[in-house]
Amino acid sequence: MVPLSAVAPLAVALGVVLGFGLWLVSAALPRIGRPRLMERVAPYVADLSPEARAMLARRPADPVPVLGFIVAPAARRVRALVSPLLGGGDTIAKRLRQAGSTASVERFRGEQLAWAAAAFSAASALAIVAPAFSGLPTMVRVAFPVVMAALGAVARDWLLQRRARRRLARISSELPTVLEFMTLSLTAGEGMLDAIRRVARAGSEELPTEFARVVTAVGAGAPLGRALAELRDGLDHAALSRALDQVLGALDRGAPLAAVLRAQAGDAREEAKRTIIELAGRKEIAMLVPLIMLILPVTVAFALFPGYLVLQAGF
């Protein structure tokens, strides 16, 4: 028989969880019946009647603020410990900006928490139900869900990094064409803002979308230089940052923008060629892996196996 002293703490904990769950369910249930006349009139006479103000000041018994008040200090400490491991808020904000996502840092952290919770739940169910885990030590079965939860959070961050890298690569491929198009517009007599507006209207890819944001910011009253500087700092793309630095310097000094953009377009073309050559070299090395690990052993086996059979038959 299990002693009462061992069952009592578990019973108390389960009772607290059950009571809090019932409180949440009752608070989320819709109110049955139409509101009374005084409740409908109270918002319109609140500035004249103290009773109406008191009625509007009453709030339903919602457990969510109570839970937030209890959990918030621990959540802040956990966030302070975990954030440096998964990247700080500034790093996540920059990655979201580079990936073209409109989500906030808090929403991304919530997605990370959801991924970790899903991985923890799946790993816990697997550790309890799967027969393969029955013979493992208890420490391994307990640590497995925790490790999988950490991997879930890291996987969400890795997907964001991968998405940001791919978008920056697309921007790199679009940059020479966009700069040449802007050079043609400036050579035809248009201003810098008109050239950016034409690029934003001409395409729907990544870089024209970013220039469309610049046009929107300028239309809202921001100076063109500040809008371009925000684009440079937000994307943190090396080639684009160099081009925008040259454009901002030319705008400040009054230098001819067409010559500046033509030079930047040439540099972007050369950098794109170097990137393609480096990528081809890496792919060439990667192609050697199946050749050496798969094709070559099979070829050697086909060449030597008949001779081995002959030797076995002869001796």
Protein backbone atom coordinates (compact mmCIF):
# COMPACT_ATOMS: atom_id res chain seq x y z
CA MET A 1 0.00 0.00 0.00
CA VAL A 2 1.26 3.47 -0.90
CA PRO A 3 1.72 5.64 2.21
CA LEU A 4 -0.55 8.62 2.63
CA SER A 5 2.38 11.02 2.97
CA ALA A 6 3.48 10.19 -0.59
CA VAL A 7 -0.01 10.56 -2.11
CA ALA A 8 -1.00 13.83 -0.40
CA PRO A 9 1.39 16.23 -2.29
CA LEU A 10 0.40 14.70 -5.64
CA ALA A 11 -3.29 14.96 -4.76
CA VAL A 12 -2.89 18.59 -3.76
CA ALA A 13 -1.04 19.41 -6.99
CA LEU A 14 -3.64 17.66 -9.13
CA GLY A 15 -6.44 19.39 -7.23
CA VAL A 16 -4.86 22.81 -7.84
CA VAL A 17 -4.46 22.05 -11.55
CA LEU A 18 -8.06 20.81 -11.79
CA GLY A 19 -9.42 23.86 -9.98
CA PHE A 20 -7.44 26.26 -12.16
CA GLY A 21 -8.61 24.46 -15.30
CA LEU A 22 -12.24 24.66 -14.23
CA TRP A 23 -11.73 28.36 -13.47
CA LEU A 24 -10.35 28.93 -16.98
CA VAL A 25 -13.25 27.04 -18.55
CA SER A 26 -15.87 28.95 -16.55
CA ALA A 27 -14.25 32.30 -17.37
CA ALA A 28 -14.22 31.47 -21.11
CA LEU A 29 -17.90 30.44 -21.23
CA PRO A 30 -20.16 33.03 -22.89
CA ARG A 31 -22.71 34.75 -20.73
CA ILE A 32 -26.24 33.41 -21.17
CA GLY A 33 -29.08 35.91 -21.45
CA ARG A 34 -29.44 39.45 -22.69
CA PRO A 35 -27.72 42.27 -20.78
CA ARG A 36 -29.88 44.30 -18.48
CA LEU A 37 -31.09 47.77 -19.37
CA MET A 38 -28.80 49.49 -16.86
CA GLU A 39 -25.77 47.63 -18.28
CA ARG A 40 -26.62 48.83 -21.78
CA VAL A 41 -27.17 52.42 -20.69
CA ALA A 42 -24.17 52.64 -18.32
CA PRO A 43 -21.51 53.43 -21.02
CA TYR A 44 -23.50 56.48 -22.17
CA VAL A 45 -23.97 58.01 -18.69
CA ALA A 46 -20.64 57.07 -17.14
CA ASP A 47 -19.46 60.69 -17.10
CA LEU A 48 -22.54 61.74 -15.08
CA SER A 49 -23.36 58.77 -12.83
CA PRO A 50 -20.98 57.30 -10.21
CA GLU A 51 -23.05 54.09 -10.15
CA ALA A 52 -22.53 53.64 -13.89
CA ARG A 53 -18.78 54.15 -13.50
CA ALA A 54 -18.69 51.59 -10.69
CA MET A 55 -20.64 49.12 -12.83
CA LEU A 56 -18.24 49.53 -15.74
CA ALA A 57 -15.24 49.24 -13.42
CA ARG A 58 -16.27 45.73 -12.34
CA ARG A 59 -14.43 43.00 -14.16
CA PRO A 60 -15.24 39.29 -14.40
CA ALA A 61 -13.15 36.82 -12.45
CA ASP A 62 -10.56 36.10 -15.11
CA PRO A 63 -7.70 33.79 -14.01
CA VAL A 64 -5.34 34.83 -16.80
CA PRO A 65 -4.04 38.01 -15.05
CA VAL A 66 -3.51 35.98 -11.88
CA LEU A 67 -1.53 33.37 -13.81
CA GLY A 68 0.48 36.09 -15.53
CA PHE A 69 1.26 37.73 -12.18
CA ILE A 70 2.50 34.42 -10.79
CA VAL A 71 4.43 33.18 -13.83
CA ALA A 72 5.83 36.50 -15.14
CA PRO A 73 8.91 36.72 -12.82
CA ALA A 74 9.93 33.13 -13.60
CA ALA A 75 9.29 33.68 -17.31
CA ARG A 76 11.53 36.77 -17.31
CA ARG A 77 14.35 34.83 -15.66
CA VAL A 78 14.02 31.95 -18.10
CA ARG A 79 13.99 34.39 -21.03
CA ALA A 80 17.13 36.08 -19.71
CA LEU A 81 18.88 32.70 -19.54
CA VAL A 82 17.65 31.28 -22.84
CA SER A 83 17.79 34.39 -25.07
CA PRO A 84 21.63 34.54 -25.26
CA LEU A 85 21.68 30.87 -26.31
CA LEU A 86 19.08 31.29 -29.08
CA GLY A 87 20.09 34.81 -30.11
CA GLY A 88 19.15 38.10 -28.51
CA GLY A 89 16.14 40.20 -29.41
CA ASP A 90 18.16 42.43 -31.75
CA THR A 91 19.55 39.41 -33.60
CA ILE A 92 16.12 37.85 -34.01
CA ALA A 93 14.66 41.18 -35.18
CA LYS A 94 17.40 41.47 -37.81
CA ARG A 95 16.82 37.91 -39.00
CA LEU A 96 13.09 38.51 -39.25
CA ARG A 97 13.78 41.67 -41.25
CA GLN A 98 16.17 39.84 -43.56
CA ALA A 99 13.66 37.03 -44.02
CA GLY A 100 10.96 39.52 -45.00
CA SER A 101 8.71 38.47 -42.12
CA THR A 102 6.28 40.88 -40.49
CA ALA A 103 6.20 38.90 -37.22
CA SER A 104 7.51 40.49 -34.04
CA VAL A 105 10.20 39.08 -31.79
CA GLU A 106 7.56 38.14 -29.19
CA ARG A 107 5.58 36.19 -31.77
CA PHE A 108 8.69 34.36 -32.91
CA ARG A 109 9.52 33.47 -29.31
CA GLY A 110 5.97 32.16 -28.97
CA GLU A 111 6.48 30.00 -32.07
CA GLN A 112 9.72 28.70 -30.59
CA LEU A 113 7.89 27.86 -27.38
CA ALA A 114 5.14 26.08 -29.35
CA TRP A 115 7.73 24.02 -31.26
CA ALA A 116 9.49 23.12 -28.03
CA ALA A 117 6.20 22.15 -26.36
CA ALA A 118 5.18 20.00 -29.33
CA ALA A 119 8.55 18.25 -29.38
CA PHE A 120 8.40 17.73 -25.61
CA SER A 121 4.90 16.24 -25.80
CA ALA A 122 5.78 13.91 -28.68
CA ALA A 123 9.00 12.78 -27.01
CA SER A 124 7.23 12.24 -23.68
CA ALA A 125 4.56 10.10 -25.31
CA LEU A 126 7.26 8.16 -27.18
CA ALA A 127 9.28 7.61 -24.00
CA ILE A 128 6.21 6.32 -22.16
CA VAL A 129 4.56 4.21 -24.85
CA ALA A 130 7.38 2.95 -27.10
CA PRO A 131 8.71 -0.50 -26.12
CA ALA A 132 12.24 0.49 -27.16
CA PHE A 133 12.46 2.89 -24.19
CA SER A 134 11.31 0.38 -21.59
CA GLY A 135 14.78 -1.09 -21.12
CA LEU A 136 16.60 2.24 -20.93
CA PRO A 137 17.59 3.87 -17.62
CA THR A 138 15.16 6.28 -16.01
CA MET A 139 17.57 9.20 -16.42
CA VAL A 140 17.65 8.69 -20.19
CA ARG A 141 13.86 8.49 -20.42
CA VAL A 142 13.53 11.69 -18.39
CA ALA A 143 16.22 13.59 -20.33
CA PHE A 144 14.95 12.58 -23.77
CA PRO A 145 11.87 14.92 -23.79
CA VAL A 146 13.98 17.81 -22.49
CA VAL A 147 16.58 17.33 -25.21
CA MET A 148 13.90 17.08 -27.88
CA ALA A 149 12.25 20.30 -26.60
CA ALA A 150 15.58 22.12 -26.89
CA LEU A 151 16.05 20.72 -30.40
CA GLY A 152 12.57 21.92 -31.34
CA ALA A 153 13.38 25.49 -30.31
CA VAL A 154 16.74 25.36 -32.10
CA ALA A 155 15.08 23.95 -35.23
CA ARG A 156 12.69 26.92 -35.40
CA ASP A 157 15.62 29.33 -35.14
CA TRP A 158 17.53 27.38 -37.81
CA LEU A 159 14.58 27.60 -40.19
CA LEU A 160 14.50 31.38 -39.71
CA GLN A 161 18.23 31.63 -40.43
CA ARG A 162 17.81 29.47 -43.53
CA ARG A 163 14.95 31.62 -44.78
CA ALA A 164 16.97 34.79 -44.20
CA ARG A 165 20.02 33.39 -46.04
CA ARG A 166 17.91 32.36 -49.03
CA ARG A 167 16.26 35.77 -49.24
CA LEU A 168 19.63 37.54 -49.04
CA ALA A 169 20.89 35.28 -51.82
CA ARG A 170 17.93 36.27 -53.99
CA ILE A 171 18.65 39.93 -53.25
CA SER A 172 22.27 39.38 -54.33
CA SER A 173 21.11 37.92 -57.65
CA GLU A 174 18.67 40.80 -58.24
CA LEU A 175 21.02 43.63 -57.24
CA PRO A 176 23.02 44.07 -60.51
CA THR A 177 19.88 44.18 -62.65
CA VAL A 178 18.15 46.63 -60.32
CA LEU A 179 21.16 48.94 -60.19
CA GLU A 180 21.47 48.92 -63.99
CA PHE A 181 17.76 49.68 -64.32
CA MET A 182 18.12 52.60 -61.94
CA THR A 183 21.15 53.81 -63.91
CA LEU A 184 19.08 53.86 -67.10
CA SER A 185 16.33 55.81 -65.35
CA LEU A 186 18.79 58.38 -64.01
CA THR A 187 20.47 58.68 -67.40
CA ALA A 188 17.05 59.35 -68.95
CA GLY A 189 16.66 62.38 -66.69
CA GLU A 190 14.66 61.06 -63.75
CA GLY A 191 15.50 61.76 -60.16
CA MET A 192 16.61 59.25 -57.57
CA LEU A 193 13.16 58.90 -55.99
CA ASP A 194 11.53 58.50 -59.41
CA ALA A 195 14.05 55.80 -60.32
CA ILE A 196 13.32 53.94 -57.07
CA ARG A 197 9.59 54.28 -57.68
CA ARG A 198 9.97 52.89 -61.20
CA VAL A 199 11.94 49.90 -59.88
CA ALA A 200 9.28 49.27 -57.25
CA ARG A 201 6.55 49.30 -59.91
CA ALA A 202 8.49 47.20 -62.42
CA GLY A 203 9.05 44.08 -60.32
CA SER A 204 7.56 42.02 -57.54
CA GLU A 205 10.73 40.29 -56.34
CA GLU A 206 12.59 40.86 -53.08
CA LEU A 207 14.58 44.00 -53.88
CA PRO A 208 11.75 45.86 -55.68
CA THR A 209 9.56 45.07 -52.65
CA GLU A 210 12.16 46.65 -50.37
CA PHE A 211 12.33 49.73 -52.59
CA ALA A 212 8.54 49.89 -52.48
CA ARG A 213 8.84 50.25 -48.70
CA VAL A 214 11.28 53.12 -49.26
CA VAL A 215 8.77 54.83 -51.55
CA THR A 216 6.03 54.33 -48.94
CA ALA A 217 8.23 55.81 -46.20
CA VAL A 218 9.09 58.83 -48.34
CA GLY A 219 5.41 59.30 -49.18
CA ALA A 220 4.67 59.28 -45.43
CA GLY A 221 7.05 62.19 -44.91
CA ALA A 222 10.44 60.59 -44.23
CA PRO A 223 13.50 62.01 -46.02
CA LEU A 224 14.89 59.88 -48.82
CA GLY A 225 18.30 59.60 -47.19
CA ARG A 226 16.87 58.33 -43.92
CA ALA A 227 14.64 55.80 -45.71
CA LEU A 228 17.63 54.44 -47.65
CA ALA A 229 19.70 54.30 -44.46
CA GLU A 230 16.95 52.31 -42.72
CA LEU A 231 16.89 49.89 -45.65
CA ARG A 232 20.68 49.50 -45.46
CA ASP A 233 20.72 48.94 -41.69
CA GLY A 234 17.68 46.65 -41.71
CA LEU A 235 18.86 44.20 -44.35
CA ASP A 236 22.57 44.33 -43.47
CA HIS A 237 23.46 43.02 -46.94
CA ALA A 238 27.10 43.69 -47.79
CA ALA A 239 26.77 44.56 -51.50
CA LEU A 240 23.55 46.51 -51.05
CA SER A 241 25.03 48.39 -48.09
CA ARG A 242 28.03 49.45 -50.19
CA ALA A 243 25.78 50.62 -53.00
CA LEU A 244 23.50 52.57 -50.66
CA ASP A 245 26.49 54.13 -48.90
CA GLN A 246 27.75 55.39 -52.24
CA VAL A 247 24.29 56.69 -53.14
CA LEU A 248 23.91 58.50 -49.81
CA GLY A 249 27.36 60.02 -50.19
CA ALA A 250 26.54 61.17 -53.72
CA LEU A 251 23.27 62.71 -52.50
CA ASP A 252 25.11 64.63 -49.78
CA ARG A 253 27.89 65.87 -52.06
CA GLY A 254 25.77 66.42 -55.15
CA ALA A 255 27.81 63.98 -57.24
CA PRO A 256 26.32 62.42 -60.42
CA LEU A 257 24.26 59.42 -59.31
CA ALA A 258 24.27 57.67 -62.68
CA ALA A 259 28.06 57.17 -62.65
CA VAL A 260 27.95 55.96 -59.04
CA LEU A 261 25.21 53.41 -59.75
CA ARG A 262 26.94 52.24 -62.95
CA ALA A 263 30.11 51.52 -60.99
CA GLN A 264 28.19 49.74 -58.25
CA ALA A 265 26.34 47.64 -60.83
CA GLY A 266 29.67 46.56 -62.33
CA ASP A 267 31.00 45.63 -58.89
CA ALA A 268 27.82 43.66 -58.18
CA ARG A 269 28.22 41.77 -61.47
CA GLU A 270 31.81 40.86 -60.62
CA GLU A 271 30.83 39.72 -57.14
CA ALA A 272 28.02 37.60 -58.61
CA LYS A 273 30.55 35.94 -60.94
CA ARG A 274 32.90 35.22 -58.03
CA THR A 275 30.01 33.76 -56.03
CA ILE A 276 29.03 31.47 -58.93
CA ILE A 277 32.63 30.27 -59.31
CA GLU A 278 32.92 29.56 -55.57
CA LEU A 279 29.58 27.75 -55.58
CA ALA A 280 30.66 25.66 -58.57
CA GLY A 281 33.86 24.69 -56.74
CA ARG A 282 31.91 23.59 -53.66
CA LYS A 283 29.44 21.62 -55.80
CA GLU A 284 32.34 19.94 -57.61
CA ILE A 285 33.76 18.76 -54.29
CA ALA A 286 30.31 17.61 -53.18
CA MET A 287 29.95 15.56 -56.39
CA LEU A 288 33.05 13.57 -55.42
CA VAL A 289 31.30 12.15 -52.36
CA PRO A 290 28.91 9.78 -54.22
CA LEU A 291 31.64 9.04 -56.76
CA ILE A 292 34.14 7.90 -54.13
CA MET A 293 31.73 6.40 -51.60
CA LEU A 294 29.29 4.64 -53.96
CA ILE A 295 30.34 4.34 -57.60
CA LEU A 296 34.04 3.56 -57.10
CA PRO A 297 33.52 0.74 -54.53
CA VAL A 298 30.88 -0.87 -56.76
CA THR A 299 33.24 -0.68 -59.77
CA VAL A 300 36.08 -2.23 -57.79
CA ALA A 301 33.74 -4.97 -56.53
CA PHE A 302 32.61 -5.81 -60.07
CA ALA A 303 36.23 -5.92 -61.24
CA LEU A 304 37.57 -8.10 -58.42
CA PHE A 305 34.64 -10.40 -57.64
CA PRO A 306 34.94 -12.62 -60.79
CA GLY A 307 38.63 -13.14 -60.12
CA TYR A 308 37.87 -14.03 -56.52
CA LEU A 309 35.34 -16.64 -57.67
CA VAL A 310 37.87 -18.12 -60.10
CA LEU A 311 40.47 -18.39 -57.36
CA GLN A 312 37.96 -20.05 -55.07
CA ALA A 313 36.96 -22.56 -57.75
CA GLY A 314 40.56 -23.35 -58.74
CA PHE A 315 41.88 -23.97 -55.30
